[in-house]
């Protein structure tokens, strides 16, 4: 069954989830911690709908394939078709904001990067994108004021601010629409701040976002 995005009031979105369009290295400190160059334009990749999972069930990660790393991110729910959009059109098309984990098979990704090969098998596996419900929004007045955090077993591991993004949200969504038409039900991930690391088996997760969104999750053993 296709994953259907839901709002925090319990209402299901009118479209099932389509694709998940992601950006790498949208925070300078995260690029530096992985010894990656800071990009001059968004580094885009896609996760399929089959990678989405809710936080209401234990997070099943493919630990047998190597280190699984967590990357906490803001998630945007797209409500209108966008292609070659302006920043104003891109901003109006966002109908919800939530939280996500971009789970990454880091050892696998490193081997692929050494060979100059695509990352999909390290980023797009089943369950690679746990998603929260979405705060219903017609328009966010100040993207740069958004703050989100990730705690693992009660310890703060990541803290991100919209103001620290290399490519602000309207610019990022508009740029994505130049390469991939965005459809209602698509989700955009906006990059992860510094602090990524190995996902512990059995860990308890807590994610929060300004505006009152709080999510708890459990990693399977």
N, C-alpha and C. Protein backbone atom coordinates (compact mmCIF):
# COMPACT_ATOMS: atom_id res chain seq x y z
N UNK A 1 0.85 -1.20 0.00
CA UNK A 1 0.00 0.00 0.00
C UNK A 1 0.88 1.25 0.00
N UNK A 2 0.52 2.20 -0.83
CA UNK A 2 1.30 3.44 -0.93
C UNK A 2 1.20 4.24 0.37
N UNK A 3 2.31 4.84 0.77
CA UNK A 3 2.35 5.70 1.95
C UNK A 3 1.53 6.96 1.66
N UNK A 4 0.63 7.32 2.58
CA UNK A 4 -0.18 8.52 2.43
C UNK A 4 0.23 9.53 3.49
N UNK A 5 0.71 10.72 3.10
CA UNK A 5 1.06 11.73 4.09
C UNK A 5 -0.16 12.14 4.90
N UNK A 6 0.06 12.46 6.16
CA UNK A 6 -1.02 12.88 7.03
C UNK A 6 -0.64 14.19 7.71
N UNK A 7 -1.67 14.96 8.05
CA UNK A 7 -1.46 16.19 8.81
C UNK A 7 -1.55 15.88 10.30
N UNK A 8 -1.06 16.81 11.10
CA UNK A 8 -1.04 16.59 12.55
C UNK A 8 -2.43 16.53 13.16
N UNK A 9 -3.45 16.99 12.44
CA UNK A 9 -4.82 16.87 12.96
C UNK A 9 -5.44 15.52 12.63
N UNK A 10 -4.65 14.63 12.03
CA UNK A 10 -5.12 13.30 11.69
C UNK A 10 -5.67 13.14 10.29
N UNK A 11 -5.84 14.24 9.58
CA UNK A 11 -6.41 14.18 8.24
C UNK A 11 -5.37 13.68 7.24
N UNK A 12 -5.78 12.75 6.41
CA UNK A 12 -4.90 12.26 5.35
C UNK A 12 -4.85 13.27 4.21
N UNK A 13 -3.69 13.41 3.60
CA UNK A 13 -3.57 14.27 2.42
C UNK A 13 -4.33 13.63 1.27
N UNK A 14 -4.75 14.44 0.34
CA UNK A 14 -5.61 13.97 -0.75
C UNK A 14 -4.87 13.16 -1.81
N UNK A 15 -3.55 13.06 -1.71
CA UNK A 15 -2.76 12.29 -2.68
C UNK A 15 -1.80 11.38 -1.92
N UNK A 16 -1.54 10.19 -2.44
CA UNK A 16 -0.49 9.36 -1.84
C UNK A 16 0.88 9.99 -2.08
N UNK A 17 1.85 9.55 -1.32
CA UNK A 17 3.20 10.08 -1.49
C UNK A 17 3.75 9.65 -2.84
N UNK A 18 4.36 10.61 -3.53
CA UNK A 18 5.00 10.31 -4.81
C UNK A 18 6.47 10.04 -4.60
N UNK A 19 7.29 10.94 -5.09
CA UNK A 19 8.74 10.81 -4.90
C UNK A 19 9.18 11.70 -3.75
N UNK A 20 10.38 11.45 -3.25
CA UNK A 20 10.99 12.27 -2.20
C UNK A 20 12.26 12.86 -2.80
N UNK A 21 12.26 14.18 -3.00
CA UNK A 21 13.39 14.85 -3.62
C UNK A 21 14.26 15.44 -2.51
N UNK A 22 15.53 15.10 -2.54
CA UNK A 22 16.44 15.42 -1.45
C UNK A 22 17.59 16.29 -1.94
N UNK A 23 18.23 16.96 -0.99
CA UNK A 23 19.41 17.76 -1.31
C UNK A 23 20.53 17.38 -0.35
N UNK A 24 21.71 17.21 -0.89
CA UNK A 24 22.87 16.91 -0.08
C UNK A 24 23.66 18.18 0.22
N UNK A 25 24.26 18.21 1.41
CA UNK A 25 25.20 19.27 1.77
C UNK A 25 24.58 20.66 1.73
N UNK A 26 23.37 20.80 2.28
CA UNK A 26 22.73 22.11 2.31
C UNK A 26 23.09 22.89 3.56
N UNK A 27 23.91 22.30 4.42
CA UNK A 27 24.46 23.00 5.59
C UNK A 27 25.98 22.88 5.50
N UNK A 28 26.67 24.01 5.55
CA UNK A 28 28.12 24.01 5.36
C UNK A 28 28.83 23.15 6.40
N UNK A 29 28.39 23.20 7.66
CA UNK A 29 29.06 22.44 8.71
C UNK A 29 28.94 20.94 8.48
N UNK A 30 27.81 20.50 7.91
CA UNK A 30 27.66 19.08 7.62
C UNK A 30 28.60 18.66 6.49
N UNK A 31 28.71 19.48 5.46
CA UNK A 31 29.65 19.18 4.37
C UNK A 31 31.07 19.04 4.92
N UNK A 32 31.43 19.94 5.81
CA UNK A 32 32.79 19.90 6.38
C UNK A 32 33.03 18.67 7.22
N UNK A 33 32.01 18.24 8.01
CA UNK A 33 32.23 17.11 8.90
C UNK A 33 32.44 15.81 8.13
N UNK A 34 31.96 15.74 6.89
CA UNK A 34 32.18 14.56 6.06
C UNK A 34 33.29 14.78 5.03
N UNK A 35 34.03 15.88 5.22
CA UNK A 35 35.15 16.21 4.32
C UNK A 35 34.72 16.34 2.87
N UNK A 36 33.53 16.91 2.68
CA UNK A 36 33.01 17.15 1.34
C UNK A 36 33.13 18.63 1.00
N UNK A 37 33.31 18.96 -0.28
CA UNK A 37 33.33 20.37 -0.66
C UNK A 37 31.96 21.00 -0.50
N UNK A 38 31.93 22.29 -0.22
CA UNK A 38 30.66 23.01 -0.11
C UNK A 38 30.15 23.28 -1.53
N UNK A 39 28.94 22.85 -1.86
CA UNK A 39 28.47 22.97 -3.25
C UNK A 39 28.10 24.40 -3.62
N UNK A 40 28.26 24.70 -4.90
CA UNK A 40 27.85 26.01 -5.42
C UNK A 40 26.43 25.98 -5.96
N UNK A 41 25.87 24.79 -6.12
CA UNK A 41 24.48 24.63 -6.53
C UNK A 41 23.95 23.37 -5.84
N UNK A 42 22.63 23.25 -5.67
CA UNK A 42 22.09 22.12 -4.93
C UNK A 42 22.48 20.77 -5.53
N UNK A 43 22.88 19.86 -4.65
CA UNK A 43 23.21 18.49 -5.04
C UNK A 43 21.97 17.64 -4.78
N UNK A 44 21.27 17.28 -5.84
CA UNK A 44 19.94 16.67 -5.73
C UNK A 44 19.97 15.17 -5.97
N UNK A 45 19.10 14.45 -5.27
CA UNK A 45 18.89 13.04 -5.52
C UNK A 45 17.47 12.70 -5.09
N UNK A 46 17.01 11.50 -5.44
CA UNK A 46 15.61 11.12 -5.20
C UNK A 46 15.55 9.80 -4.42
N UNK A 47 14.62 9.75 -3.47
CA UNK A 47 14.23 8.51 -2.83
C UNK A 47 12.84 8.14 -3.37
N UNK A 48 12.58 6.87 -3.62
CA UNK A 48 11.25 6.49 -4.10
C UNK A 48 10.23 6.48 -2.97
N UNK A 49 8.96 6.39 -3.32
CA UNK A 49 7.90 6.34 -2.31
C UNK A 49 8.05 5.13 -1.40
N UNK A 50 8.65 4.06 -1.91
CA UNK A 50 8.83 2.84 -1.11
C UNK A 50 9.84 3.02 0.02
N UNK A 51 10.58 4.12 0.02
CA UNK A 51 11.53 4.37 1.12
C UNK A 51 10.85 5.04 2.30
N UNK A 52 9.62 5.50 2.15
CA UNK A 52 8.92 6.21 3.22
C UNK A 52 8.38 5.23 4.26
N UNK A 53 8.42 5.67 5.51
CA UNK A 53 7.88 4.88 6.62
C UNK A 53 7.43 5.84 7.70
N UNK A 54 6.46 5.43 8.49
CA UNK A 54 6.01 6.26 9.60
C UNK A 54 6.85 6.03 10.85
N UNK A 55 6.75 6.95 11.80
CA UNK A 55 7.42 6.79 13.08
C UNK A 55 6.58 5.98 14.06
N UNK A 56 5.39 5.57 13.64
CA UNK A 56 4.50 4.84 14.54
C UNK A 56 4.89 3.37 14.70
N UNK A 57 5.84 2.91 13.91
CA UNK A 57 6.36 1.55 14.02
C UNK A 57 7.87 1.60 14.20
N UNK A 58 8.46 0.56 14.79
CA UNK A 58 9.92 0.56 14.94
C UNK A 58 10.62 0.74 13.60
N UNK A 59 11.69 1.51 13.63
CA UNK A 59 12.47 1.79 12.42
C UNK A 59 13.33 0.57 12.11
N UNK A 60 13.06 -0.06 10.99
CA UNK A 60 13.81 -1.24 10.56
C UNK A 60 14.93 -0.78 9.63
N UNK A 61 16.16 -0.85 10.11
CA UNK A 61 17.31 -0.41 9.32
C UNK A 61 18.14 -1.63 8.91
N UNK A 62 18.74 -1.59 7.72
CA UNK A 62 19.49 -2.75 7.22
C UNK A 62 20.90 -2.82 7.82
N UNK A 63 20.97 -3.07 9.13
CA UNK A 63 22.26 -3.06 9.82
C UNK A 63 23.23 -4.10 9.27
N UNK A 64 22.72 -5.17 8.68
CA UNK A 64 23.58 -6.22 8.16
C UNK A 64 24.43 -5.74 6.97
N UNK A 65 24.06 -4.61 6.40
CA UNK A 65 24.78 -4.11 5.22
C UNK A 65 25.84 -3.06 5.58
N UNK A 66 26.06 -2.83 6.86
CA UNK A 66 27.07 -1.86 7.27
C UNK A 66 26.47 -0.77 8.15
N UNK A 67 27.26 0.24 8.46
CA UNK A 67 26.81 1.33 9.33
C UNK A 67 25.63 2.07 8.69
N UNK A 68 24.58 2.24 9.49
CA UNK A 68 23.43 3.06 9.09
C UNK A 68 23.53 4.38 9.85
N UNK A 69 23.58 5.49 9.13
CA UNK A 69 23.68 6.79 9.76
C UNK A 69 22.34 7.52 9.71
N UNK A 70 22.09 8.33 10.74
CA UNK A 70 20.91 9.18 10.81
C UNK A 70 21.24 10.56 10.27
N UNK A 71 20.28 11.17 9.60
CA UNK A 71 20.37 12.56 9.14
C UNK A 71 18.99 13.16 9.31
N UNK A 72 18.81 14.00 10.32
CA UNK A 72 17.51 14.64 10.57
C UNK A 72 17.33 15.82 9.62
N UNK A 73 16.11 15.97 9.10
CA UNK A 73 15.86 17.01 8.11
C UNK A 73 14.43 17.55 8.23
N UNK A 74 14.24 18.78 7.78
CA UNK A 74 12.90 19.30 7.56
C UNK A 74 12.32 18.67 6.31
N UNK A 75 11.05 18.32 6.37
CA UNK A 75 10.35 17.73 5.23
C UNK A 75 9.20 18.65 4.81
N UNK A 76 9.05 18.88 3.53
CA UNK A 76 8.01 19.75 2.99
C UNK A 76 7.05 18.93 2.14
N UNK A 77 5.76 19.10 2.36
CA UNK A 77 4.75 18.43 1.57
C UNK A 77 4.29 19.37 0.46
N UNK A 78 4.37 18.89 -0.78
CA UNK A 78 4.02 19.70 -1.95
C UNK A 78 2.53 19.49 -2.27
N UNK A 79 1.82 20.61 -2.49
CA UNK A 79 0.39 20.54 -2.74
C UNK A 79 -0.03 20.96 -4.12
N UNK A 80 0.91 21.47 -4.92
CA UNK A 80 0.57 21.92 -6.28
C UNK A 80 1.64 21.44 -7.25
N UNK A 81 1.26 21.27 -8.50
CA UNK A 81 2.21 20.87 -9.53
C UNK A 81 3.18 22.03 -9.81
N UNK A 82 4.45 21.72 -9.80
CA UNK A 82 5.47 22.74 -10.02
C UNK A 82 6.43 22.28 -11.11
N UNK A 83 6.66 23.12 -12.09
CA UNK A 83 7.70 22.87 -13.07
C UNK A 83 8.28 24.21 -13.49
N UNK A 84 9.59 24.34 -13.41
CA UNK A 84 10.28 25.60 -13.70
C UNK A 84 9.62 26.75 -12.92
N UNK A 85 9.41 26.53 -11.65
CA UNK A 85 8.68 27.49 -10.82
C UNK A 85 9.55 28.65 -10.39
N UNK A 86 8.90 29.77 -10.12
CA UNK A 86 9.57 30.89 -9.46
C UNK A 86 9.65 30.59 -7.96
N UNK A 87 10.45 31.35 -7.23
CA UNK A 87 10.52 31.14 -5.79
C UNK A 87 9.17 31.42 -5.13
N UNK A 88 8.42 32.38 -5.65
CA UNK A 88 7.11 32.69 -5.09
C UNK A 88 6.15 31.53 -5.31
N UNK A 89 6.16 30.94 -6.52
CA UNK A 89 5.30 29.79 -6.80
C UNK A 89 5.70 28.60 -5.94
N UNK A 90 6.99 28.41 -5.78
CA UNK A 90 7.48 27.29 -4.96
C UNK A 90 7.03 27.43 -3.52
N UNK A 91 7.12 28.63 -2.99
CA UNK A 91 6.72 28.86 -1.60
C UNK A 91 5.24 28.60 -1.40
N UNK A 92 4.41 29.03 -2.34
CA UNK A 92 2.96 28.84 -2.22
C UNK A 92 2.56 27.37 -2.34
N UNK A 93 3.40 26.57 -2.99
CA UNK A 93 3.05 25.17 -3.23
C UNK A 93 3.26 24.29 -2.01
N UNK A 94 3.98 24.78 -1.01
CA UNK A 94 4.21 23.98 0.20
C UNK A 94 2.97 24.05 1.09
N UNK A 95 2.37 22.89 1.38
CA UNK A 95 1.15 22.86 2.18
C UNK A 95 1.35 22.25 3.56
N UNK A 96 2.54 21.72 3.82
CA UNK A 96 2.80 21.15 5.13
C UNK A 96 4.29 21.06 5.40
N UNK A 97 4.64 21.08 6.66
CA UNK A 97 6.04 20.95 7.05
C UNK A 97 6.15 19.93 8.16
N UNK A 98 7.11 19.03 8.02
CA UNK A 98 7.29 17.97 9.00
C UNK A 98 8.76 17.68 9.22
N UNK A 99 9.03 16.50 9.75
CA UNK A 99 10.39 16.08 10.06
C UNK A 99 10.64 14.71 9.46
N UNK A 100 11.88 14.47 9.12
CA UNK A 100 12.24 13.20 8.48
C UNK A 100 13.64 12.78 8.89
N UNK A 101 13.91 11.51 8.70
CA UNK A 101 15.27 11.00 8.79
C UNK A 101 15.68 10.52 7.40
N UNK A 102 16.80 11.00 6.93
CA UNK A 102 17.40 10.50 5.70
C UNK A 102 18.42 9.45 6.13
N UNK A 103 17.97 8.19 6.21
CA UNK A 103 18.87 7.12 6.64
C UNK A 103 19.83 6.77 5.50
N UNK A 104 21.08 6.54 5.88
CA UNK A 104 22.13 6.37 4.88
C UNK A 104 23.03 5.20 5.26
N UNK A 105 23.24 4.30 4.32
CA UNK A 105 24.25 3.25 4.49
C UNK A 105 25.60 3.88 4.19
N UNK A 106 26.28 4.34 5.24
CA UNK A 106 27.46 5.19 5.05
C UNK A 106 28.63 4.43 4.43
N UNK A 107 28.85 3.18 4.87
CA UNK A 107 29.95 2.41 4.28
C UNK A 107 29.70 2.17 2.79
N UNK A 108 28.45 1.83 2.48
CA UNK A 108 28.09 1.59 1.08
C UNK A 108 28.24 2.87 0.27
N UNK A 109 27.78 3.98 0.82
CA UNK A 109 27.90 5.26 0.11
C UNK A 109 29.36 5.61 -0.15
N UNK A 110 30.22 5.40 0.84
CA UNK A 110 31.64 5.73 0.67
C UNK A 110 32.26 4.92 -0.47
N UNK A 111 31.90 3.64 -0.54
CA UNK A 111 32.45 2.81 -1.61
C UNK A 111 31.95 3.28 -2.98
N UNK A 112 30.68 3.65 -3.04
CA UNK A 112 30.13 4.13 -4.31
C UNK A 112 30.78 5.43 -4.73
N UNK A 113 30.99 6.35 -3.78
CA UNK A 113 31.62 7.63 -4.10
C UNK A 113 33.05 7.43 -4.61
N UNK A 114 33.77 6.48 -4.00
CA UNK A 114 35.14 6.22 -4.46
C UNK A 114 35.17 5.76 -5.91
N UNK A 115 34.13 5.05 -6.32
CA UNK A 115 34.06 4.54 -7.69
C UNK A 115 33.37 5.51 -8.65
N UNK A 116 32.88 6.65 -8.12
CA UNK A 116 32.15 7.59 -8.95
C UNK A 116 30.80 7.09 -9.38
N UNK A 117 30.20 6.22 -8.57
CA UNK A 117 28.91 5.62 -8.92
C UNK A 117 27.77 6.30 -8.17
N UNK A 118 26.53 6.13 -8.64
CA UNK A 118 25.38 6.75 -7.97
C UNK A 118 25.20 6.21 -6.55
N UNK A 119 24.47 6.99 -5.73
CA UNK A 119 24.29 6.68 -4.31
C UNK A 119 23.02 5.91 -4.00
N UNK A 120 22.16 5.66 -4.97
CA UNK A 120 20.80 5.22 -4.65
C UNK A 120 20.73 4.04 -3.70
N UNK A 121 21.58 3.02 -3.88
CA UNK A 121 21.45 1.85 -3.02
C UNK A 121 21.80 2.16 -1.57
N UNK A 122 22.50 3.28 -1.33
CA UNK A 122 22.85 3.69 0.03
C UNK A 122 21.80 4.62 0.63
N UNK A 123 20.92 5.17 -0.19
CA UNK A 123 19.99 6.20 0.26
C UNK A 123 18.51 5.86 0.03
N UNK A 124 18.22 4.94 -0.87
CA UNK A 124 16.85 4.78 -1.34
C UNK A 124 16.26 3.42 -1.02
N UNK A 125 16.85 2.69 -0.07
CA UNK A 125 16.34 1.38 0.29
C UNK A 125 14.98 1.49 1.00
N UNK A 126 14.26 0.40 1.08
CA UNK A 126 12.96 0.39 1.77
C UNK A 126 13.13 0.86 3.21
N UNK A 127 12.29 1.81 3.63
CA UNK A 127 12.36 2.33 5.00
C UNK A 127 13.44 3.36 5.23
N UNK A 128 14.08 3.85 4.18
CA UNK A 128 15.19 4.78 4.32
C UNK A 128 14.76 6.20 4.66
N UNK A 129 13.44 6.45 4.69
CA UNK A 129 12.96 7.81 4.97
C UNK A 129 11.78 7.80 5.93
N UNK A 130 12.04 7.62 7.24
CA UNK A 130 10.95 7.81 8.22
C UNK A 130 10.43 9.24 8.17
N UNK A 131 9.10 9.38 8.11
CA UNK A 131 8.46 10.69 7.97
C UNK A 131 7.45 10.91 9.09
N UNK A 132 7.41 12.13 9.60
CA UNK A 132 6.40 12.51 10.59
C UNK A 132 5.12 12.94 9.88
N UNK A 133 4.09 13.23 10.67
CA UNK A 133 2.93 13.94 10.15
C UNK A 133 3.36 15.38 9.85
N UNK A 134 2.52 16.09 9.11
CA UNK A 134 2.86 17.44 8.67
C UNK A 134 1.99 18.48 9.35
N UNK A 135 2.62 19.56 9.79
CA UNK A 135 1.87 20.71 10.26
C UNK A 135 1.20 21.34 9.05
N UNK A 136 -0.12 21.55 9.05
CA UNK A 136 -0.80 22.14 7.89
C UNK A 136 -0.50 23.63 7.79
N UNK A 137 0.02 24.03 6.65
CA UNK A 137 0.41 25.42 6.43
C UNK A 137 -0.01 25.86 5.04
N UNK A 138 -0.57 27.04 4.94
CA UNK A 138 -0.82 27.62 3.62
C UNK A 138 0.41 28.39 3.14
N UNK A 139 1.14 28.96 4.09
CA UNK A 139 2.36 29.70 3.75
C UNK A 139 3.13 29.94 5.05
N UNK A 140 4.43 29.72 5.00
CA UNK A 140 5.26 29.96 6.18
C UNK A 140 5.83 31.36 6.08
N UNK A 141 5.56 32.23 7.04
CA UNK A 141 5.99 33.62 6.92
C UNK A 141 7.49 33.83 7.02
N UNK A 142 8.19 32.93 7.71
CA UNK A 142 9.62 33.16 7.91
C UNK A 142 10.34 31.82 7.98
N UNK A 143 10.76 31.32 6.83
CA UNK A 143 11.45 30.03 6.79
C UNK A 143 12.71 30.05 7.63
N UNK A 144 13.42 31.16 7.65
CA UNK A 144 14.71 31.21 8.32
C UNK A 144 14.59 31.07 9.83
N UNK A 145 13.38 31.27 10.39
CA UNK A 145 13.20 31.18 11.84
C UNK A 145 12.94 29.75 12.31
N UNK A 146 12.81 28.80 11.40
CA UNK A 146 12.53 27.42 11.78
C UNK A 146 13.75 26.79 12.45
N UNK A 147 13.50 26.07 13.52
CA UNK A 147 14.54 25.34 14.25
C UNK A 147 14.05 23.92 14.50
N UNK A 148 14.89 22.93 14.26
CA UNK A 148 14.51 21.55 14.54
C UNK A 148 15.67 20.84 15.23
N UNK A 149 15.33 19.81 15.99
CA UNK A 149 16.34 19.08 16.75
C UNK A 149 16.08 17.58 16.68
N UNK A 150 17.14 16.82 16.93
CA UNK A 150 17.06 15.38 17.08
C UNK A 150 17.79 14.98 18.35
N UNK A 151 17.08 14.25 19.21
CA UNK A 151 17.68 13.65 20.39
C UNK A 151 17.66 12.14 20.24
N UNK A 152 18.75 11.51 20.67
CA UNK A 152 18.84 10.05 20.66
C UNK A 152 19.13 9.60 22.08
N UNK A 153 18.24 8.81 22.62
CA UNK A 153 18.34 8.35 24.01
C UNK A 153 18.56 9.52 24.96
N UNK A 154 17.83 10.62 24.72
CA UNK A 154 17.87 11.78 25.58
C UNK A 154 19.02 12.73 25.35
N UNK A 155 19.90 12.43 24.41
CA UNK A 155 21.06 13.29 24.13
C UNK A 155 20.83 14.08 22.83
N UNK A 156 21.03 15.39 22.88
CA UNK A 156 20.89 16.21 21.68
C UNK A 156 22.00 15.87 20.70
N UNK A 157 21.62 15.46 19.50
CA UNK A 157 22.61 15.08 18.49
C UNK A 157 22.65 16.02 17.30
N UNK A 158 21.51 16.60 16.94
CA UNK A 158 21.48 17.54 15.82
C UNK A 158 20.55 18.70 16.12
N UNK A 159 20.95 19.88 15.64
CA UNK A 159 20.11 21.07 15.73
C UNK A 159 20.29 21.86 14.44
N UNK A 160 19.19 22.10 13.74
CA UNK A 160 19.26 22.82 12.48
C UNK A 160 18.39 24.06 12.49
N UNK A 161 18.84 25.07 11.78
CA UNK A 161 18.09 26.31 11.65
C UNK A 161 17.92 26.64 10.17
N UNK A 162 16.72 27.08 9.82
CA UNK A 162 16.48 27.47 8.44
C UNK A 162 17.44 28.55 7.96
N UNK A 163 17.87 29.42 8.86
CA UNK A 163 18.76 30.51 8.50
C UNK A 163 20.13 30.02 8.06
N UNK A 164 20.49 28.78 8.43
CA UNK A 164 21.83 28.26 8.12
C UNK A 164 21.88 27.48 6.80
N UNK A 165 20.75 27.33 6.13
CA UNK A 165 20.76 26.59 4.87
C UNK A 165 21.53 27.37 3.80
N UNK A 166 22.33 26.65 3.04
CA UNK A 166 23.04 27.29 1.93
C UNK A 166 22.05 27.74 0.85
N UNK A 167 21.00 26.95 0.64
CA UNK A 167 19.97 27.26 -0.35
C UNK A 167 18.65 27.34 0.38
N UNK A 168 18.11 28.55 0.58
CA UNK A 168 16.86 28.71 1.33
C UNK A 168 15.72 27.92 0.69
N UNK A 169 14.72 27.62 1.48
CA UNK A 169 13.65 26.71 1.05
C UNK A 169 12.99 27.14 -0.27
N UNK A 170 12.51 28.38 -0.44
CA UNK A 170 11.88 28.72 -1.72
C UNK A 170 12.83 28.55 -2.91
N UNK A 171 14.08 28.95 -2.72
CA UNK A 171 15.09 28.79 -3.78
C UNK A 171 15.32 27.33 -4.09
N UNK A 172 15.41 26.52 -3.05
CA UNK A 172 15.67 25.09 -3.22
C UNK A 172 14.53 24.40 -3.96
N UNK A 173 13.28 24.65 -3.55
CA UNK A 173 12.14 24.00 -4.20
C UNK A 173 12.01 24.45 -5.65
N UNK A 174 12.23 25.73 -5.91
CA UNK A 174 12.18 26.23 -7.29
C UNK A 174 13.25 25.55 -8.15
N UNK A 175 14.45 25.40 -7.60
CA UNK A 175 15.53 24.75 -8.35
C UNK A 175 15.19 23.28 -8.62
N UNK A 176 14.64 22.61 -7.63
CA UNK A 176 14.23 21.21 -7.85
C UNK A 176 13.24 21.10 -8.99
N UNK A 177 12.31 22.07 -9.07
CA UNK A 177 11.27 22.01 -10.11
C UNK A 177 11.82 22.25 -11.51
N UNK A 178 13.04 22.75 -11.60
CA UNK A 178 13.69 22.91 -12.91
C UNK A 178 14.14 21.56 -13.46
N UNK A 179 14.41 20.62 -12.57
CA UNK A 179 14.94 19.31 -12.97
C UNK A 179 13.89 18.21 -12.91
N UNK A 180 12.98 18.28 -11.93
CA UNK A 180 11.95 17.27 -11.74
C UNK A 180 10.63 17.99 -11.51
N UNK A 181 9.63 17.73 -12.33
CA UNK A 181 8.31 18.27 -12.03
C UNK A 181 7.85 17.73 -10.69
N UNK A 182 7.45 18.63 -9.80
CA UNK A 182 6.95 18.25 -8.49
C UNK A 182 5.43 18.16 -8.55
N UNK A 183 4.88 17.08 -8.00
CA UNK A 183 3.45 16.82 -8.05
C UNK A 183 2.87 16.84 -6.64
N UNK A 184 1.56 17.10 -6.50
CA UNK A 184 0.94 16.99 -5.18
C UNK A 184 1.20 15.61 -4.57
N UNK A 185 1.65 15.60 -3.34
CA UNK A 185 2.02 14.36 -2.67
C UNK A 185 3.50 14.10 -2.66
N UNK A 186 4.27 14.82 -3.47
CA UNK A 186 5.72 14.71 -3.38
C UNK A 186 6.20 15.35 -2.09
N UNK A 187 7.33 14.89 -1.60
CA UNK A 187 7.94 15.43 -0.39
C UNK A 187 9.34 15.91 -0.73
N UNK A 188 9.72 17.04 -0.17
CA UNK A 188 11.06 17.60 -0.34
C UNK A 188 11.79 17.55 0.99
N UNK A 189 12.98 16.97 1.00
CA UNK A 189 13.85 17.04 2.16
C UNK A 189 14.89 18.13 1.92
N UNK A 190 15.21 18.89 2.97
CA UNK A 190 15.94 20.15 2.80
C UNK A 190 17.38 20.11 3.29
N UNK A 191 17.90 18.92 3.58
CA UNK A 191 19.29 18.81 4.01
C UNK A 191 19.42 18.67 5.51
N UNK A 192 20.57 18.16 5.93
CA UNK A 192 20.79 17.89 7.36
C UNK A 192 21.92 18.76 7.90
N UNK A 193 21.79 19.21 9.15
CA UNK A 193 22.87 19.97 9.78
C UNK A 193 23.96 19.03 10.29
N UNK A 194 25.00 19.61 10.86
CA UNK A 194 26.10 18.82 11.42
C UNK A 194 25.60 17.96 12.56
N UNK A 195 26.37 16.90 12.85
CA UNK A 195 26.05 16.03 13.97
C UNK A 195 25.59 14.65 13.57
N UNK A 196 25.63 14.33 12.27
CA UNK A 196 25.19 13.00 11.84
C UNK A 196 26.10 11.94 12.43
N UNK A 197 25.56 10.73 12.55
CA UNK A 197 26.35 9.64 13.11
C UNK A 197 25.63 8.32 12.96
N UNK A 198 26.22 7.29 13.56
CA UNK A 198 25.68 5.95 13.43
C UNK A 198 24.40 5.80 14.23
N UNK A 199 23.40 5.20 13.63
CA UNK A 199 22.12 4.97 14.28
C UNK A 199 22.23 3.76 15.20
N UNK A 200 22.02 3.94 16.50
CA UNK A 200 22.17 2.79 17.40
C UNK A 200 20.95 1.86 17.35
N UNK A 201 21.19 0.58 17.43
CA UNK A 201 20.09 -0.39 17.53
C UNK A 201 19.32 -0.13 18.83
N UNK A 202 18.00 -0.19 18.74
CA UNK A 202 17.17 -0.07 19.92
C UNK A 202 17.05 1.32 20.50
N UNK A 203 17.59 2.33 19.83
CA UNK A 203 17.60 3.70 20.37
C UNK A 203 16.21 4.31 20.35
N UNK A 204 16.00 5.21 21.31
CA UNK A 204 14.77 6.01 21.33
C UNK A 204 15.08 7.38 20.73
N UNK A 205 14.24 7.81 19.79
CA UNK A 205 14.45 9.05 19.07
C UNK A 205 13.37 10.06 19.44
N UNK A 206 13.76 11.30 19.45
CA UNK A 206 12.81 12.39 19.66
C UNK A 206 13.19 13.54 18.74
N UNK A 207 12.28 13.93 17.87
CA UNK A 207 12.50 15.04 16.96
C UNK A 207 11.49 16.13 17.28
N UNK A 208 11.92 17.38 17.16
CA UNK A 208 11.02 18.50 17.44
C UNK A 208 11.26 19.62 16.44
N UNK A 209 10.21 20.42 16.24
CA UNK A 209 10.24 21.53 15.29
C UNK A 209 9.47 22.70 15.87
N UNK A 210 9.99 23.91 15.70
CA UNK A 210 9.25 25.09 16.12
C UNK A 210 7.86 25.06 15.48
N UNK A 211 6.87 25.44 16.27
CA UNK A 211 5.49 25.33 15.81
C UNK A 211 4.74 24.24 16.54
N UNK A 212 5.48 23.47 17.36
CA UNK A 212 4.82 22.51 18.21
C UNK A 212 4.84 21.08 17.73
N UNK A 213 5.57 20.78 16.68
CA UNK A 213 5.63 19.41 16.19
C UNK A 213 6.69 18.63 16.98
N UNK A 214 6.28 17.53 17.58
CA UNK A 214 7.19 16.64 18.29
C UNK A 214 6.90 15.21 17.87
N UNK A 215 7.96 14.45 17.62
CA UNK A 215 7.83 13.10 17.12
C UNK A 215 8.75 12.20 17.94
N UNK A 216 8.25 11.03 18.30
CA UNK A 216 9.07 10.04 18.98
C UNK A 216 9.11 8.76 18.14
N UNK A 217 10.25 8.12 18.17
CA UNK A 217 10.41 6.88 17.41
C UNK A 217 11.32 5.92 18.13
N UNK A 218 11.31 4.69 17.68
CA UNK A 218 12.11 3.62 18.28
C UNK A 218 12.81 2.86 17.15
N UNK A 219 14.10 2.65 17.31
CA UNK A 219 14.86 1.86 16.34
C UNK A 219 14.77 0.40 16.73
N UNK A 220 14.48 -0.46 15.78
CA UNK A 220 14.41 -1.89 16.05
C UNK A 220 15.79 -2.41 16.46
N UNK A 221 15.79 -3.49 17.23
CA UNK A 221 17.05 -4.11 17.65
C UNK A 221 17.71 -4.84 16.48
